Amino acid sequence: MLAADRLHADDTTVPVLAKGRTVAGRLWNYVRDDHPFGGTAPPAVWFRYSRDRKGEHPVDHLSGWTGIVQSDAYAGYNALAKPGRQPAPVVSAGCWTHRRRGLFKIAEKDKGPIAIEAVRPIDAIFEAERVINRAPAQHRFAVRQESSAPMVENPRTLITI
């Protein structure tokens, strides 16, 4: 897993029996899947457990590793990207799915027109990515420059309210 150039990182709660009651532990998930990027290594997932969600855990799990880590906005991953981190800072890549989730919940529950419109450019980015999935890196870059980059730089261009 730690030979991968990029990892997707996330954590989830797991129930743990503790002195006659259940508490929440954390299961940290590190996923490698380079097939969308034209890679040939088999997909893999690595799990680590902790009793809490302290940011020290991903720092410990990924000590010595460098590359791109894609994750939600959990601040516990921030230390991985700090200048001076050894052997080098990781490149932090946000996750559009996590970004979209909150907006989608508002759009779905409250029928909020602004939230509904805010989901539209993210959906357009997802569609653009589906089209170039598994294409060579140069082609993906060119398509992203043409289609996705303007949406990322100014997502309001797709909002019609």
Foldseek 3Di string as FASTA:
>chain_A
DLVDQEWEKDKDWDWDDDPNDTDTKIKIKIWDDCQQAQDDDDIDIDIDIGRDDALVVVCVVQQPGEHEYEYAPPCSLVVQQDQPRPPGRHHYDYDLVNVLVVLVVCCVPVVDLVSVLLNVLSVQVVVLSVVSGNPHPVVNVVSCVVRVVVCVVPVCVRRDD
